[in-house]
Protein backbone atom coordinates (compact mmCIF):
# COMPACT_ATOMS: atom_id res chain seq x y z
CA MET A 1 29.07 187.45 157.94
CA ASP A 2 27.98 184.89 160.89
CA ASP A 3 29.19 181.42 161.36
CA ARG A 4 26.06 180.04 159.36
CA MET A 5 26.87 181.92 156.49
CA GLN A 6 30.63 181.12 156.45
CA ALA A 7 29.48 177.42 157.49
CA GLN A 8 27.07 177.28 154.14
CA ILE A 9 29.65 179.06 151.79
CA ARG A 10 32.22 176.52 152.75
CA SER A 11 29.64 173.52 151.91
CA TRP A 12 28.84 175.42 148.49
CA LEU A 13 32.85 175.48 147.70
CA GLU A 14 33.54 171.59 148.79
CA GLU A 15 30.64 170.54 147.14
CA ASP A 16 31.72 172.11 143.68
CA SER A 17 35.31 171.01 144.09
CA GLY A 18 33.94 167.52 144.78
CA ASP A 19 32.24 167.28 141.38
CA GLU A 20 35.46 168.92 139.52
CA LEU A 21 37.04 165.60 141.39
CA ASP A 22 34.90 163.01 140.19
CA ALA A 23 34.80 164.04 136.90
CA ASP A 24 38.85 164.27 137.05
CA LEU A 25 38.43 160.60 138.54
CA GLU A 26 36.23 159.18 135.63
CA ASN A 27 38.67 160.34 132.94
CA GLY A 28 41.53 158.85 134.34
CA GLU A 29 43.92 162.13 134.37
CA GLN A 30 45.84 163.84 137.10
CA TYR A 31 43.69 165.89 139.19
CA ARG A 32 44.25 168.65 141.60
CA VAL A 33 42.39 169.41 145.10
CA ASP A 34 42.80 172.86 146.18
CA THR A 35 41.19 173.51 149.60
CA ILE A 36 39.58 177.34 151.09
CA GLU A 37 42.01 179.08 153.26
CA SER A 38 40.51 181.04 155.47
CA ASP A 39 41.11 183.33 158.42
CA SER A 40 39.37 185.83 160.49
CA SER A 41 39.32 188.44 157.92
CA VAL A 42 39.70 186.92 154.10
CA ILE A 43 38.57 183.96 152.53
CA ARG A 44 40.38 183.01 149.35
CA SER A 45 38.39 181.33 146.51
CA PRO A 46 40.32 178.03 144.73
CA HIS A 47 40.99 179.97 141.72
CA GLU A 48 43.66 182.56 141.77
CA THR A 49 41.87 186.14 141.84
CA ASP A 50 42.43 189.40 143.02
CA THR A 51 39.11 189.71 144.70
CA GLU A 52 38.89 189.77 148.40
CA GLN A 53 36.33 189.66 150.98
CA SER A 54 36.83 191.20 154.01
CA SER A 55 34.63 190.92 157.29
CA ASP A 56 32.79 193.85 159.00
CA GLU A 57 34.56 195.11 162.53
CA ASN A 58 31.55 193.35 164.45
CA ASP A 59 32.88 189.98 163.01
CA ALA A 60 36.84 190.70 163.61
CA ASP A 61 36.34 187.99 166.41
CA ILE A 62 35.11 185.41 164.75
CA SER A 63 38.00 183.34 163.79
CA ALA A 64 37.35 180.46 160.89
CA PRO A 65 39.46 177.30 161.23
CA ALA A 66 42.60 177.95 159.12
CA ILE A 67 42.90 175.16 155.80
CA GLN A 68 45.75 174.67 154.21
CA GLN A 69 45.81 175.09 150.64
CA GLN A 70 46.87 171.24 149.50
CA ARG A 71 47.80 170.32 145.52
CA VAL A 72 47.63 166.69 145.29
CA ARG A 73 48.92 165.23 141.87
CA ILE A 74 48.36 161.23 141.74
CA PRO A 75 49.08 159.45 138.26
CA TYR A 76 47.00 156.29 138.19
CA TYR A 77 45.82 153.59 136.08
CA ILE A 78 42.11 152.57 136.01
CA GLY A 79 41.52 148.93 136.37
CA LYS A 80 39.45 146.84 133.80
CA ASN A 81 36.18 146.87 135.84
CA ARG A 82 36.55 150.81 135.58
CA SER A 83 36.62 151.36 139.20
CA THR A 84 39.89 150.27 140.76
CA LYS A 85 42.27 152.50 140.74
CA TRP A 86 45.83 151.56 140.20
CA LEU A 87 48.71 154.25 141.40
CA ILE A 88 51.39 154.48 138.83
CA HIS A 89 54.17 155.19 141.26
CA LYS A 90 54.65 153.56 144.76
CA PRO A 91 53.88 155.70 147.99
CA LEU A 92 56.35 158.20 149.54
CA ARG A 93 58.68 156.14 151.80
CA ASN A 94 60.55 159.34 153.58
CA VAL A 95 57.42 160.40 155.03
CA ARG A 96 57.43 161.21 158.83
CA THR A 97 55.52 158.97 160.96
CA ARG A 98 52.30 160.16 162.32
CA SER A 99 52.25 160.18 166.28
CA TYR A 100 49.86 157.67 166.74
CA ASN A 101 51.93 155.38 164.48
CA ILE A 102 54.49 155.38 166.78
CA VAL A 103 55.10 152.12 168.82
CA ILE A 104 56.20 152.98 172.29
CA HIS A 105 56.09 149.42 173.75
CA LEU A 106 57.65 146.46 172.19
CA PRO A 107 55.05 143.92 171.26
CA GLY A 108 54.47 140.61 172.84
CA VAL A 109 53.44 138.90 175.89
CA LYS A 110 54.36 141.35 179.48
CA ASN A 111 55.34 140.42 182.82
CA VAL A 112 54.10 137.03 184.07
CA ALA A 113 53.23 135.73 180.70
CA LYS A 114 57.09 136.06 179.60
CA ASN A 115 57.92 133.21 181.82
CA ALA A 116 54.97 130.90 180.76
CA LYS A 117 56.81 128.75 178.77
CA LYS A 118 54.49 125.61 178.50
CA PRO A 119 50.76 125.44 177.67
CA LEU A 120 49.36 124.37 181.14
CA GLN A 121 51.58 127.62 182.56
CA CYS A 122 49.67 129.75 179.66
CA PHE A 123 46.07 128.69 180.68
CA SER A 124 46.89 129.22 184.55
CA LEU A 125 47.28 132.58 183.25
CA PHE A 126 43.58 132.84 182.76
CA VAL A 127 42.43 130.41 185.19
CA ASP A 128 44.31 130.82 188.34
CA ASP A 129 44.22 129.23 191.37
CA THR A 130 41.87 131.75 192.68
CA MET A 131 39.21 130.92 190.81
CA LYS A 132 39.54 126.86 190.58
CA ASP A 133 39.52 127.35 194.83
CA LYS A 134 36.04 129.31 194.07
CA VAL A 135 34.94 126.64 192.15
CA VAL A 136 35.68 124.39 194.24
CA LEU A 137 34.01 125.97 197.68
CA TYR A 138 30.47 126.85 195.63
CA THR A 139 30.36 123.13 194.07
CA ASN A 140 31.17 122.15 197.95
CA VAL A 141 27.97 124.17 198.58
CA TYR A 142 26.10 122.63 196.34
CA ILE A 143 26.87 119.23 197.19
CA THR A 144 26.53 119.88 200.79
CA LYS A 145 22.86 120.48 199.60
CA LEU A 146 22.45 117.20 198.16
CA GLN A 147 24.30 114.93 200.72
CA GLU A 148 20.82 114.84 202.68
CA LYS A 149 19.36 112.81 199.84
CA PHE A 150 21.97 110.00 199.91
CA SER A 151 22.49 107.32 202.71
CA ARG A 152 26.08 106.96 202.51
CA GLU A 153 28.47 109.78 202.05
CA ARG A 154 30.60 108.11 199.63
CA ASP A 155 27.48 108.24 197.12
CA CYS A 156 28.13 112.30 197.58
CA LYS A 157 31.55 113.21 198.67
CA LEU A 158 32.98 116.60 198.30
CA THR A 159 35.27 117.80 195.82
CA ASP A 160 38.75 119.08 195.83
CA ALA A 161 41.17 121.53 193.74
CA VAL A 162 42.54 118.21 192.00
CA GLU A 163 39.25 116.77 190.83
CA ILE A 164 38.24 120.37 188.81
CA LYS A 165 41.50 120.46 187.35
CA ALA A 166 40.71 116.97 185.98
CA LEU A 167 37.14 118.23 185.08
CA ILE A 168 38.55 121.27 183.47
CA GLY A 169 40.96 119.10 181.31
CA VAL A 170 38.66 116.50 180.23
CA LEU A 171 36.42 119.52 178.90
CA TYR A 172 39.54 121.25 177.05
CA MET A 173 40.33 117.84 175.34
CA ALA A 174 36.70 117.31 174.34
CA GLY A 175 36.81 120.79 172.82
CA LEU A 176 39.77 119.74 171.40
CA LYS A 177 38.61 116.68 169.84
CA LYS A 178 35.22 118.37 169.02
CA ILE A 179 33.35 115.69 171.08
CA CYS A 180 32.28 118.55 173.36
CA HIS A 181 28.45 117.53 172.67
CA LEU A 182 28.88 113.97 174.10
CA ASN A 183 28.32 114.03 177.77
CA VAL A 184 30.96 112.35 180.19
CA LYS A 185 30.00 108.79 179.60
CA GLU A 186 30.21 108.95 175.69
CA ILE A 187 33.33 111.00 176.02
CA GLU A 188 35.14 107.88 177.92
CA THR A 189 33.58 105.75 175.30
CA GLU A 190 35.10 107.48 172.57
CA THR A 191 38.39 108.37 173.87
CA GLU A 192 39.64 104.98 174.88
CA THR A 193 41.51 104.92 171.61
CA GLU A 194 42.31 107.89 171.42
CA THR A 195 45.52 109.94 172.88
CA PHE A 196 44.10 110.74 176.48
CA LEU A 197 42.53 108.32 178.77
CA PHE A 198 40.94 108.78 182.14
CA ASN A 199 38.24 107.28 184.64
CA ILE A 200 35.37 108.35 186.26
CA ASP A 201 33.29 107.86 189.09
CA TYR A 202 29.51 108.29 187.97
CA LYS A 203 28.05 108.22 191.21
């Protein structure tokens, strides 16, 4: 018996057992699921019979996966909508925890984040000083290109890390206050009576 034939027989048996299971579920009765137990030489049907089917000597080296026989009896109630199933008894608690559900590491923050207690320290974990330095560097490159258009140097000054931090803070507060659709001038007008104030040179 070749692999294709075994796979086809297995699929027929699974379809039959699935139909019987669906009929039992609709009746709201206890049900039993039998699976095929097979090895390289014997295929046992889910019905207890005395017949056995042995393979040829040519097929002795072909081994099908061993499937253990399972019997599951689960009493349940059917809900008013005729589809929801409610278990009568609680699930077993004394079942061994599966290996992929075992927690090896304690939940929580790790390494550097353990020392971050304030909001600014937590924010610095995501936007650190090296990122801010790169923003300052590339912003100054852009400002340098624009300086040729201005006659006075103070009209187009280079920025520094303090200004970038202040800008990030303003943008963060604008998002918090849900006024991020406004431009910088409108944000200053909108927030004059609010909890934070800032002064910006618009030139």
